[in-house]
C-alpha cells in the first residue's frame, strides 16, 4: 500500500492528525479530566493537636480525633488523606482556668482544597493540674471462676496508680478499678494484665490521666471445700446373742469438695456400718457414700471399730 500514491497520502494524514492532537494536549486533557474533577469527601479520625499550658493546666472535653470534610480535585484529596500532610489544632495557649468553646483550625492543607472540621468547635475546660496516688481494687467477674472453685484472694501490682487531672475531676473519684479482659474460666492461680478504670459514684468514666495505665492482677483460686463430721450408723442385724455396744471411726471428720451452694447445705455424712454376722469385737473398712452434688472427699474409706458383748 505504501508504494501507491493513495497509501502515502493516508499515512501522511494519520501523522498530521497525531501531531495536531499532541500539540493541543488533547490526550493530556482526557487523562487528567478525572483527576481535576472536583468532589467532596470526609477524611475520618484526623488527630487533634491541643495547645495549652500543659505544665500547670489540665484540659478536659477535647476530642482526640475529628472528621474533616474537604472539597476539591480528587487527586489532591486522595493525597491529603493518604499522607495526612496537614493538621487540626485546638489553640488554647493564651487561656487560663475556665470553660471555653473553641473552634478547630486546619493548618498545612493544600490551597486547592476547601475544608471544614466536623464538629467545628469543642466545649472544653481548663483546670489547675493536680496529681494524686490512689489504691486499686481488682474487679473479677465471678462467672470466670469455674464450677466447684472459688476466689480466695487477689493482689494488684503495683497496688497504687498516680491520677492526674483537674481538681474538680479528682474530687469525683469514687472507684479506681483494675478491669480484666480475659474470659476463660479459672481453675488455677494465675496472673493477668488489667486496664485501669477511674469512675465516679454513678460509675461514669472520668477524664483523667492514669500512670501506669495497666497493672498485673494475681488471682488465687481453690476448690470449694468444707469439713463435715462423720456419723456411724448400723446396717443389718447382729446375731441374736450379740449386743453392739459401740462403733467408733478412726476419722471423725472429712473434707468434701463441690459447688459451694451444695456443700454449704451438708453438715454431716452418715457412714453405714454392716453389723450382719458380727459375733464379737471387730474392725471393718467402710467406703464413704458421698451425697449428691459432692464431687470428691479427701479420703475414700474409714475403719470402723465395733465393740460387742454377749447376751
C-alpha atoms as a PDB file:
ATOM      1  CA  UNK A   1       0.000   0.000   0.000  1.00  0.00           C
ATOM      2  CA  UNK A   2       2.920   2.345   0.781  1.00  0.00           C
ATOM      3  CA  UNK A   3       4.056   2.074  -2.853  1.00  0.00           C
ATOM      4  CA  UNK A   4       0.791   3.615  -4.116  1.00  0.00           C
ATOM      5  CA  UNK A   5       0.027   7.327  -4.146  1.00  0.00           C
ATOM      6  CA  UNK A   6      -3.116   6.931  -2.019  1.00  0.00           C
ATOM      7  CA  UNK A   7      -1.263   4.880   0.588  1.00  0.00           C
ATOM      8  CA  UNK A   8       1.308   7.615   1.087  1.00  0.00           C
ATOM      9  CA  UNK A   9      -1.462  10.200   1.388  1.00  0.00           C
ATOM     10  CA  UNK A  10      -3.249   8.141   4.076  1.00  0.00           C
ATOM     11  CA  UNK A  11      -0.098   7.729   6.201  1.00  0.00           C
ATOM     12  CA  UNK A  12       0.601  11.471   5.966  1.00  0.00           C
ATOM     13  CA  UNK A  13      -2.953  12.238   7.133  1.00  0.00           C
ATOM     14  CA  UNK A  14      -2.585   9.993  10.187  1.00  0.00           C
ATOM     15  CA  UNK A  15       0.753  11.574  11.137  1.00  0.00           C
ATOM     16  CA  UNK A  16      -0.674  15.061  10.805  1.00  0.00           C
ATOM     17  CA  UNK A  17      -3.650  14.185  12.974  1.00  0.00           C
ATOM     18  CA  UNK A  18      -1.408  12.775  15.703  1.00  0.00           C
ATOM     19  CA  UNK A  19       0.777  15.892  15.657  1.00  0.00           C
ATOM     20  CA  UNK A  20      -2.318  18.127  15.967  1.00  0.00           C
ATOM     21  CA  UNK A  21      -3.645  16.212  18.984  1.00  0.00           C
ATOM     22  CA  UNK A  22      -0.242  16.250  20.671  1.00  0.00           C
ATOM     23  CA  UNK A  23       0.314  19.968  20.197  1.00  0.00           C
ATOM     24  CA  UNK A  24      -3.128  20.797  21.618  1.00  0.00           C
ATOM     25  CA  UNK A  25      -2.647  18.419  24.639  1.00  0.00           C
ATOM     26  CA  UNK A  26      -5.895  16.623  23.883  1.00  0.00           C
ATOM     27  CA  UNK A  27      -4.642  13.328  25.362  1.00  0.00           C
ATOM     28  CA  UNK A  28      -3.394  15.082  28.492  1.00  0.00           C
ATOM     29  CA  UNK A  29      -6.752  16.759  28.938  1.00  0.00           C
ATOM     30  CA  UNK A  30      -8.561  13.472  28.571  1.00  0.00           C
ATOM     31  CA  UNK A  31      -6.351  11.612  31.050  1.00  0.00           C
ATOM     32  CA  UNK A  32      -6.313  14.398  33.616  1.00  0.00           C
ATOM     33  CA  UNK A  33     -10.021  15.189  33.457  1.00  0.00           C
ATOM     34  CA  UNK A  34     -10.925  12.753  36.229  1.00  0.00           C
ATOM     35  CA  UNK A  35      -8.017  13.867  38.409  1.00  0.00           C
ATOM     36  CA  UNK A  36      -9.072  17.519  38.097  1.00  0.00           C
ATOM     37  CA  UNK A  37     -12.726  16.801  38.659  1.00  0.00           C
ATOM     38  CA  UNK A  38     -13.984  18.454  41.845  1.00  0.00           C
ATOM     39  CA  UNK A  39     -15.585  16.264  44.526  1.00  0.00           C
ATOM     40  CA  UNK A  40     -16.484  16.177  48.220  1.00  0.00           C
ATOM     41  CA  UNK A  41     -15.014  13.701  50.718  1.00  0.00           C
ATOM     42  CA  UNK A  42     -14.769  13.212  54.510  1.00  0.00           C
ATOM     43  CA  UNK A  43     -11.368  12.325  55.978  1.00  0.00           C
ATOM     44  CA  UNK A  44     -12.131  10.500  59.210  1.00  0.00           C
ATOM     45  CA  UNK A  45     -10.298  10.341  62.536  1.00  0.00           C
ATOM     46  CA  UNK A  46      -7.806  13.135  61.975  1.00  0.00           C
ATOM     47  CA  UNK A  47      -5.740  13.627  65.191  1.00  0.00           C
ATOM     48  CA  UNK A  48      -6.272  16.872  67.106  1.00  0.00           C
ATOM     49  CA  UNK A  49      -3.210  18.793  68.301  1.00  0.00           C
ATOM     50  CA  UNK A  50      -4.169  20.611  71.532  1.00  0.00           C
ATOM     51  CA  UNK A  51      -2.053  23.598  72.504  1.00  0.00           C
ATOM     52  CA  UNK A  52      -2.183  24.849  76.110  1.00  0.00           C
ATOM     53  CA  UNK A  53      -0.069  25.247  79.251  1.00  0.00           C
ATOM     54  CA  UNK A  54       0.453  21.540  79.952  1.00  0.00           C
ATOM     55  CA  UNK A  55       2.721  22.150  82.951  1.00  0.00           C
ATOM     56  CA  UNK A  56       0.153  23.975  85.067  1.00  0.00           C
ATOM     57  CA  UNK A  57      -3.226  23.227  83.499  1.00  0.00           C
ATOM     58  CA  UNK A  58      -5.276  20.121  82.750  1.00  0.00           C
ATOM     59  CA  UNK A  59      -7.546  20.036  79.691  1.00  0.00           C
ATOM     60  CA  UNK A  60     -10.766  18.020  79.599  1.00  0.00           C
ATOM     61  CA  UNK A  61     -13.506  17.745  76.985  1.00  0.00           C
ATOM     62  CA  UNK A  62     -11.249  17.935  73.915  1.00  0.00           C
ATOM     63  CA  UNK A  63     -11.728  15.104  71.372  1.00  0.00           C
ATOM     64  CA  UNK A  64      -8.652  13.140  70.356  1.00  0.00           C
ATOM     65  CA  UNK A  65      -9.773  12.997  66.701  1.00  0.00           C
ATOM     66  CA  UNK A  66     -12.225  14.797  64.396  1.00  0.00           C
ATOM     67  CA  UNK A  67     -13.532  14.350  60.865  1.00  0.00           C
ATOM     68  CA  UNK A  68     -12.557  16.826  58.140  1.00  0.00           C
ATOM     69  CA  UNK A  69     -14.886  17.466  55.189  1.00  0.00           C
ATOM     70  CA  UNK A  70     -12.888  18.515  52.103  1.00  0.00           C
ATOM     71  CA  UNK A  71     -13.798  19.513  48.556  1.00  0.00           C
ATOM     72  CA  UNK A  72     -11.553  19.966  45.540  1.00  0.00           C
ATOM     73  CA  UNK A  73      -9.653  17.897  42.949  1.00  0.00           C
ATOM     74  CA  UNK A  74      -9.876  14.169  43.626  1.00  0.00           C
ATOM     75  CA  UNK A  75      -6.147  13.614  43.286  1.00  0.00           C
ATOM     76  CA  UNK A  76      -5.359  16.310  45.859  1.00  0.00           C
ATOM     77  CA  UNK A  77      -7.964  14.902  48.261  1.00  0.00           C
ATOM     78  CA  UNK A  78      -6.536  11.394  47.934  1.00  0.00           C
ATOM     79  CA  UNK A  79      -3.030  12.691  48.578  1.00  0.00           C
ATOM     80  CA  UNK A  80      -4.143  14.599  51.692  1.00  0.00           C
ATOM     81  CA  UNK A  81      -5.959  11.531  53.056  1.00  0.00           C
ATOM     82  CA  UNK A  82      -3.047   9.192  52.358  1.00  0.00           C
ATOM     83  CA  UNK A  83      -0.230  11.398  53.664  1.00  0.00           C
ATOM     84  CA  UNK A  84      -2.158  13.373  56.311  1.00  0.00           C
ATOM     85  CA  UNK A  85       0.132  16.260  55.401  1.00  0.00           C
ATOM     86  CA  UNK A  86      -1.995  18.717  57.352  1.00  0.00           C
ATOM     87  CA  UNK A  87      -3.105  19.024  60.978  1.00  0.00           C
ATOM     88  CA  UNK A  88      -6.067  20.103  63.065  1.00  0.00           C
ATOM     89  CA  UNK A  89      -5.320  22.353  66.043  1.00  0.00           C
ATOM     90  CA  UNK A  90      -7.239  23.440  69.118  1.00  0.00           C
ATOM     91  CA  UNK A  91      -5.316  26.524  70.204  1.00  0.00           C
ATOM     92  CA  UNK A  92      -5.705  27.393  73.903  1.00  0.00           C
ATOM     93  CA  UNK A  93      -2.208  28.668  74.569  1.00  0.00           C
ATOM     94  CA  UNK A  94      -3.374  32.026  75.876  1.00  0.00           C
ATOM     95  CA  UNK A  95      -6.191  30.609  78.009  1.00  0.00           C
ATOM     96  CA  UNK A  96      -6.232  30.315  81.788  1.00  0.00           C
ATOM     97  CA  UNK A  97      -8.524  28.315  84.117  1.00  0.00           C
ATOM     98  CA  UNK A  98     -12.095  28.329  82.810  1.00  0.00           C
ATOM     99  CA  UNK A  99     -14.595  26.875  80.348  1.00  0.00           C
ATOM    100  CA  UNK A 100     -14.349  27.671  76.639  1.00  0.00           C
ATOM    101  CA  UNK A 101     -15.995  26.978  73.291  1.00  0.00           C
ATOM    102  CA  UNK A 102     -13.131  26.988  70.830  1.00  0.00           C
ATOM    103  CA  UNK A 103     -13.086  26.497  67.056  1.00  0.00           C
ATOM    104  CA  UNK A 104     -10.741  24.000  65.438  1.00  0.00           C
ATOM    105  CA  UNK A 105      -8.153  25.284  62.964  1.00  0.00           C
ATOM    106  CA  UNK A 106      -6.764  23.449  59.940  1.00  0.00           C
ATOM    107  CA  UNK A 107      -3.132  24.065  59.045  1.00  0.00           C
ATOM    108  CA  UNK A 108      -0.988  22.822  56.172  1.00  0.00           C
ATOM    109  CA  UNK A 109      -3.826  21.798  53.856  1.00  0.00           C
ATOM    110  CA  UNK A 110      -3.365  22.361  50.116  1.00  0.00           C
ATOM    111  CA  UNK A 111      -4.733  25.655  48.765  1.00  0.00           C
ATOM    112  CA  UNK A 112      -6.601  23.612  46.154  1.00  0.00           C
ATOM    113  CA  UNK A 113      -8.892  22.241  48.868  1.00  0.00           C
ATOM    114  CA  UNK A 114     -11.652  23.775  50.907  1.00  0.00           C
ATOM    115  CA  UNK A 115     -12.230  22.133  54.305  1.00  0.00           C
ATOM    116  CA  UNK A 116     -14.381  22.262  57.419  1.00  0.00           C
ATOM    117  CA  UNK A 117     -13.950  20.366  60.685  1.00  0.00           C
ATOM    118  CA  UNK A 118     -16.809  18.219  61.956  1.00  0.00           C
ATOM    119  CA  UNK A 119     -17.689  19.360  64.593  1.00  0.00           C
ATOM    120  CA  UNK A 120     -16.477  22.923  64.063  1.00  0.00           C
ATOM    121  CA  UNK A 121     -15.784  23.604  67.766  1.00  0.00           C
ATOM    122  CA  UNK A 122     -15.330  21.899  71.138  1.00  0.00           C
ATOM    123  CA  UNK A 123     -16.540  22.760  74.639  1.00  0.00           C
ATOM    124  CA  UNK A 124     -13.502  22.332  76.878  1.00  0.00           C
ATOM    125  CA  UNK A 125     -12.459  23.018  80.456  1.00  0.00           C
ATOM    126  CA  UNK A 126      -9.067  24.112  81.740  1.00  0.00           C
ATOM    127  CA  UNK A 127      -8.327  23.417  85.421  1.00  0.00           C
ATOM    128  CA  UNK A 128      -5.294  23.602  87.655  1.00  0.00           C
ATOM    129  CA  UNK A 129      -3.385  20.349  87.207  1.00  0.00           C
ATOM    130  CA  UNK A 130      -3.354  18.052  90.260  1.00  0.00           C
ATOM    131  CA  UNK A 131      -1.711  14.609  90.709  1.00  0.00           C
ATOM    132  CA  UNK A 132      -2.527  12.145  93.475  1.00  0.00           C
ATOM    133  CA  UNK A 133      -1.942   8.449  94.248  1.00  0.00           C
ATOM    134  CA  UNK A 134      -4.921   6.108  94.633  1.00  0.00           C
ATOM    135  CA  UNK A 135      -5.157   2.419  95.640  1.00  0.00           C
ATOM    136  CA  UNK A 136      -6.502  -0.022  93.042  1.00  0.00           C
ATOM    137  CA  UNK A 137      -9.309  -2.515  93.524  1.00  0.00           C
ATOM    138  CA  UNK A 138      -9.309  -5.594  91.292  1.00  0.00           C
ATOM    139  CA  UNK A 139     -12.660  -6.389  89.678  1.00  0.00           C
ATOM    140  CA  UNK A 140     -13.003 -10.107  88.889  1.00  0.00           C
ATOM    141  CA  UNK A 141     -16.223 -11.402  87.394  1.00  0.00           C
ATOM    142  CA  UNK A 142     -17.470 -14.346  89.472  1.00  0.00           C
ATOM    143  CA  UNK A 143     -18.600 -16.063  86.273  1.00  0.00           C
ATOM    144  CA  UNK A 144     -14.926 -16.600  85.483  1.00  0.00           C
ATOM    145  CA  UNK A 145     -14.497 -18.905  88.488  1.00  0.00           C
ATOM    146  CA  UNK A 146     -15.121 -22.486  87.342  1.00  0.00           C
ATOM    147  CA  UNK A 147     -17.838 -24.559  88.990  1.00  0.00           C
ATOM    148  CA  UNK A 148     -16.509 -26.214  92.140  1.00  0.00           C
ATOM    149  CA  UNK A 149     -13.910 -23.470  92.643  1.00  0.00           C
ATOM    150  CA  UNK A 150     -13.891 -20.144  94.428  1.00  0.00           C
ATOM    151  CA  UNK A 151     -11.852 -16.982  94.567  1.00  0.00           C
ATOM    152  CA  UNK A 152      -9.689 -16.962  97.681  1.00  0.00           C
ATOM    153  CA  UNK A 153      -7.717 -13.782  97.086  1.00  0.00           C
ATOM    154  CA  UNK A 154      -6.238 -11.298  94.640  1.00  0.00           C
ATOM    155  CA  UNK A 155      -3.394  -8.786  94.722  1.00  0.00           C
ATOM    156  CA  UNK A 156      -2.594  -5.926  92.366  1.00  0.00           C
ATOM    157  CA  UNK A 157       0.934  -4.968  91.359  1.00  0.00           C
ATOM    158  CA  UNK A 158       1.590  -2.085  91.595  1.00  0.00           C
ATOM    159  CA  UNK A 159      -1.044  -1.509  94.264  1.00  0.00           C
ATOM    160  CA  UNK A 160      -1.390   2.238  93.504  1.00  0.00           C
ATOM    161  CA  UNK A 161      -1.571   4.471  90.440  1.00  0.00           C
ATOM    162  CA  UNK A 162      -0.975   8.197  90.000  1.00  0.00           C
ATOM    163  CA  UNK A 163      -4.012  10.017  88.646  1.00  0.00           C
ATOM    164  CA  UNK A 164      -3.601  13.455  87.094  1.00  0.00           C
ATOM    165  CA  UNK A 165      -6.448  15.813  86.238  1.00  0.00           C
ATOM    166  CA  UNK A 166      -8.331  18.879  87.304  1.00  0.00           C
ATOM    167  CA  UNK A 167      -9.188  19.168  90.994  1.00  0.00           C
ATOM    168  CA  UNK A 168     -12.885  19.061  90.143  1.00  0.00           C
ATOM    169  CA  UNK A 169     -12.461  15.700  88.399  1.00  0.00           C
ATOM    170  CA  UNK A 170     -10.329  14.234  91.180  1.00  0.00           C
ATOM    171  CA  UNK A 171     -12.983  15.207  93.711  1.00  0.00           C
ATOM    172  CA  UNK A 172     -15.454  12.980  91.830  1.00  0.00           C
ATOM    173  CA  UNK A 173     -13.319   9.819  92.036  1.00  0.00           C
ATOM    174  CA  UNK A 174     -15.211   7.016  93.790  1.00  0.00           C
ATOM    175  CA  UNK A 175     -13.591   3.890  92.321  1.00  0.00           C
ATOM    176  CA  UNK A 176     -10.236   3.008  90.794  1.00  0.00           C
ATOM    177  CA  UNK A 177     -10.631  -0.475  89.351  1.00  0.00           C
ATOM    178  CA  UNK A 178      -8.364  -2.923  87.584  1.00  0.00           C
ATOM    179  CA  UNK A 179     -10.617  -4.440  84.907  1.00  0.00           C
ATOM    180  CA  UNK A 180      -9.705  -7.830  83.439  1.00  0.00           C
ATOM    181  CA  UNK A 181     -10.418  -8.554  79.770  1.00  0.00           C
ATOM    182  CA  UNK A 182      -9.847 -12.333  79.798  1.00  0.00           C
ATOM    183  CA  UNK A 183     -12.916 -14.584  79.698  1.00  0.00           C
ATOM    184  CA  UNK A 184     -11.581 -18.109  80.237  1.00  0.00           C
ATOM    185  CA  UNK A 185     -12.714 -19.869  83.398  1.00  0.00           C
ATOM    186  CA  UNK A 186     -10.196 -20.206  86.194  1.00  0.00           C
ATOM    187  CA  UNK A 187      -9.209 -23.422  87.957  1.00  0.00           C
ATOM    188  CA  UNK A 188      -5.622 -22.439  88.882  1.00  0.00           C
ATOM    189  CA  UNK A 189      -3.779 -19.440  90.268  1.00  0.00           C
ATOM    190  CA  UNK A 190      -2.879 -17.018  87.504  1.00  0.00           C
ATOM    191  CA  UNK A 191      -1.568 -13.514  86.751  1.00  0.00           C
ATOM    192  CA  UNK A 192      -3.291 -11.302  84.184  1.00  0.00           C
ATOM    193  CA  UNK A 193      -2.733  -7.802  82.839  1.00  0.00           C
ATOM    194  CA  UNK A 194      -5.586  -5.374  83.512  1.00  0.00           C
ATOM    195  CA  UNK A 195      -6.516  -1.874  82.390  1.00  0.00           C
ATOM    196  CA  UNK A 196      -7.421   0.831  84.903  1.00  0.00           C
ATOM    197  CA  UNK A 197     -10.844   2.495  85.048  1.00  0.00           C
ATOM    198  CA  UNK A 198     -11.451   5.634  87.121  1.00  0.00           C
ATOM    199  CA  UNK A 199     -15.148   6.080  87.915  1.00  0.00           C
ATOM    200  CA  UNK A 200     -17.424   8.433  89.797  1.00  0.00           C
ATOM    201  CA  UNK A 201     -20.163   7.285  92.195  1.00  0.00           C
ATOM    202  CA  UNK A 202     -22.520   6.699  89.236  1.00  0.00           C
ATOM    203  CA  UNK A 203     -19.894   4.509  87.505  1.00  0.00           C
ATOM    204  CA  UNK A 204     -19.199   7.132  84.819  1.00  0.00           C
ATOM    205  CA  UNK A 205     -15.631   7.220  83.492  1.00  0.00           C
ATOM    206  CA  UNK A 206     -13.710  10.357  84.418  1.00  0.00           C
ATOM    207  CA  UNK A 207     -11.497  12.309  82.010  1.00  0.00           C
ATOM    208  CA  UNK A 208      -8.135  11.917  83.783  1.00  0.00           C
ATOM    209  CA  UNK A 209      -4.640  10.616  83.063  1.00  0.00           C
ATOM    210  CA  UNK A 210      -3.537   7.360  84.740  1.00  0.00           C
ATOM    211  CA  UNK A 211       0.051   6.232  85.268  1.00  0.00           C
ATOM    212  CA  UNK A 212       0.646   3.384  84.864  1.00  0.00           C
ATOM    213  CA  UNK A 213      -2.458   2.627  82.817  1.00  0.00           C
ATOM    214  CA  UNK A 214      -2.101  -1.172  83.189  1.00  0.00           C
ATOM    215  CA  UNK A 215      -1.260  -3.384  86.192  1.00  0.00           C
ATOM    216  CA  UNK A 216      -0.778  -7.090  86.938  1.00  0.00           C
ATOM    217  CA  UNK A 217      -3.508  -8.849  88.915  1.00  0.00           C
ATOM    218  CA  UNK A 218      -2.514 -12.027  90.753  1.00  0.00           C
ATOM    219  CA  UNK A 219      -5.581 -14.239  91.174  1.00  0.00           C
ATOM    220  CA  UNK A 220      -5.771 -17.147  93.629  1.00  0.00           C
ATOM    221  CA  UNK A 221      -8.471 -19.786  93.334  1.00  0.00           C
ATOM    222  CA  UNK A 222      -9.099 -23.015  95.209  1.00  0.00           C
ATOM    223  CA  UNK A 223     -11.561 -25.847  95.076  1.00  0.00           C
ATOM    224  CA  UNK A 224     -14.694 -25.154  97.091  1.00  0.00           C
ATOM    225  CA  UNK A 225     -14.481 -27.315 100.212  1.00  0.00           C
ATOM    226  CA  UNK A 226     -15.999 -27.855 103.620  1.00  0.00           C
ATOM    227  CA  UNK A 227     -15.129 -30.085 106.593  1.00  0.00           C
ATOM    228  CA  UNK A 228     -18.086 -32.125 107.882  1.00  0.00           C
ATOM    229  CA  UNK A 229     -18.461 -34.733 110.647  1.00  0.00           C
ATOM    230  CA  UNK A 230     -18.730 -38.470 110.017  1.00  0.00           C
ATOM    231  CA  UNK A 231     -21.635 -40.177 111.760  1.00  0.00           C
ATOM    232  CA  UNK A 232     -21.515 -44.016 112.088  1.00  0.00           C
ATOM    233  CA  UNK A 233     -24.877 -45.781 111.693  1.00  0.00           C
ATOM    234  CA  UNK A 234     -25.649 -49.500 111.764  1.00  0.00           C
ATOM    235  CA  UNK A 235     -26.788 -51.508 108.774  1.00  0.00           C
ATOM    236  CA  UNK A 236     -28.203 -55.018 109.002  1.00  0.00           C
ATOM    237  CA  UNK A 237     -28.876 -57.110 112.149  1.00  0.00           C
ATOM    238  CA  UNK A 238     -26.407 -58.599 114.590  1.00  0.00           C
ATOM    239  CA  UNK A 239     -26.583 -62.214 115.813  1.00  0.00           C
ATOM    240  CA  UNK A 240     -29.216 -62.924 118.474  1.00  0.00           C
ATOM    241  CA  UNK A 241     -26.698 -63.455 121.256  1.00  0.00           C
ATOM    242  CA  UNK A 242     -24.577 -60.359 120.404  1.00  0.00           C
ATOM    243  CA  UNK A 243     -25.111 -56.792 121.554  1.00  0.00           C
ATOM    244  CA  UNK A 244     -23.489 -53.891 119.625  1.00  0.00           C
ATOM    245  CA  UNK A 245     -22.161 -51.706 122.407  1.00  0.00           C
ATOM    246  CA  UNK A 246     -20.270 -49.062 120.435  1.00  0.00           C
ATOM    247  CA  UNK A 247     -18.997 -48.164 116.961  1.00  0.00           C
ATOM    248  CA  UNK A 248     -16.127 -45.693 116.579  1.00  0.00           C
ATOM    249  CA  UNK A 249     -14.466 -44.467 113.407  1.00  0.00           C
ATOM    250  CA  UNK A 250     -10.740 -43.851 113.023  1.00  0.00           C
ATOM    251  CA  UNK A 251     -11.601 -40.438 111.488  1.00  0.00           C
ATOM    252  CA  UNK A 252     -14.331 -38.186 112.819  1.00  0.00           C
ATOM    253  CA  UNK A 253     -14.280 -35.565 110.038  1.00  0.00           C
ATOM    254  CA  UNK A 254     -13.752 -35.388 106.280  1.00  0.00           C
ATOM    255  CA  UNK A 255     -13.187 -32.515 103.846  1.00  0.00           C
ATOM    256  CA  UNK A 256     -15.564 -32.625 100.897  1.00  0.00           C
ATOM    257  CA  UNK A 257     -15.381 -30.774  97.566  1.00  0.00           C
ATOM    258  CA  UNK A 258     -18.138 -29.493  95.296  1.00  0.00           C
ATOM    259  CA  UNK A 259     -20.198 -26.452  94.373  1.00  0.00           C
ATOM    260  CA  UNK A 260     -20.452 -24.027  97.261  1.00  0.00           C
ATOM    261  CA  UNK A 261     -24.254 -23.944  97.195  1.00  0.00           C
ATOM    262  CA  UNK A 262     -24.280 -27.769  97.566  1.00  0.00           C
ATOM    263  CA  UNK A 263     -21.666 -28.359 100.246  1.00  0.00           C
ATOM    264  CA  UNK A 264     -22.886 -25.460 102.395  1.00  0.00           C
ATOM    265  CA  UNK A 265     -26.089 -27.445 102.939  1.00  0.00           C
ATOM    266  CA  UNK A 266     -24.262 -30.516 104.264  1.00  0.00           C
ATOM    267  CA  UNK A 267     -23.440 -30.731 107.983  1.00  0.00           C
ATOM    268  CA  UNK A 268     -22.530 -34.407 108.344  1.00  0.00           C
ATOM    269  CA  UNK A 269     -22.245 -37.645 106.380  1.00  0.00           C
ATOM    270  CA  UNK A 270     -23.647 -40.950 107.626  1.00  0.00           C
ATOM    271  CA  UNK A 271     -21.270 -43.925 107.451  1.00  0.00           C
ATOM    272  CA  UNK A 272     -23.330 -47.182 107.276  1.00  0.00           C
ATOM    273  CA  UNK A 273     -21.519 -49.994 109.159  1.00  0.00           C
ATOM    274  CA  UNK A 274     -22.793 -53.507 108.360  1.00  0.00           C
ATOM    275  CA  UNK A 275     -23.174 -55.469 111.612  1.00  0.00           C
ATOM    276  CA  UNK A 276     -24.563 -58.600 109.980  1.00  0.00           C
ATOM    277  CA  UNK A 277     -22.812 -61.761 111.134  1.00  0.00           C
ATOM    278  CA  UNK A 278     -20.768 -59.874 113.728  1.00  0.00           C
ATOM    279  CA  UNK A 279     -20.041 -62.345 116.556  1.00  0.00           C
ATOM    280  CA  UNK A 280     -17.550 -60.330 118.583  1.00  0.00           C
ATOM    281  CA  UNK A 281     -15.322 -57.236 118.641  1.00  0.00           C
ATOM    282  CA  UNK A 282     -14.040 -56.484 115.168  1.00  0.00           C
ATOM    283  CA  UNK A 283     -12.786 -53.734 112.834  1.00  0.00           C
ATOM    284  CA  UNK A 284     -14.168 -53.151 109.348  1.00  0.00           C
ATOM    285  CA  UNK A 285     -13.120 -50.950 106.438  1.00  0.00           C
ATOM    286  CA  UNK A 286     -16.117 -48.942 105.239  1.00  0.00           C
ATOM    287  CA  UNK A 287     -16.334 -46.967 101.986  1.00  0.00           C
ATOM    288  CA  UNK A 288     -17.781 -43.466 102.216  1.00  0.00           C
ATOM    289  CA  UNK A 289     -21.018 -42.804 100.361  1.00  0.00           C
ATOM    290  CA  UNK A 290     -20.954 -39.175  99.201  1.00  0.00           C
ATOM    291  CA  UNK A 291     -24.170 -37.120  98.949  1.00  0.00           C
ATOM    292  CA  UNK A 292     -25.421 -35.987  95.540  1.00  0.00           C
ATOM    293  CA  UNK A 293     -23.575 -32.918  94.285  1.00  0.00           C
ATOM    294  CA  UNK A 294     -20.353 -33.693  96.184  1.00  0.00           C
ATOM    295  CA  UNK A 295     -17.527 -34.215  93.686  1.00  0.00           C
ATOM    296  CA  UNK A 296     -14.894 -35.722  95.942  1.00  0.00           C
ATOM    297  CA  UNK A 297     -13.701 -36.268  99.520  1.00  0.00           C
ATOM    298  CA  UNK A 298     -10.162 -36.126 100.874  1.00  0.00           C
ATOM    299  CA  UNK A 299     -10.265 -39.904 101.523  1.00  0.00           C
ATOM    300  CA  UNK A 300     -12.495 -42.728 100.269  1.00  0.00           C
ATOM    301  CA  UNK A 301     -12.917 -45.023 103.304  1.00  0.00           C
ATOM    302  CA  UNK A 302     -12.579 -45.249 107.085  1.00  0.00           C
ATOM    303  CA  UNK A 303     -12.080 -48.008 109.633  1.00  0.00           C
ATOM    304  CA  UNK A 304     -14.985 -48.749 111.966  1.00  0.00           C
ATOM    305  CA  UNK A 305     -14.201 -50.372 115.321  1.00  0.00           C
ATOM    306  CA  UNK A 306     -17.159 -52.406 116.571  1.00  0.00           C
ATOM    307  CA  UNK A 307     -17.355 -53.243 120.279  1.00  0.00           C
ATOM    308  CA  UNK A 308     -19.750 -56.011 121.341  1.00  0.00           C
ATOM    309  CA  UNK A 309     -20.976 -58.015 124.321  1.00  0.00           C
ATOM    310  CA  UNK A 310     -22.897 -61.284 124.647  1.00  0.00           C
ATOM    311  CA  UNK A 311     -26.460 -61.525 125.869  1.00  0.00           C
END
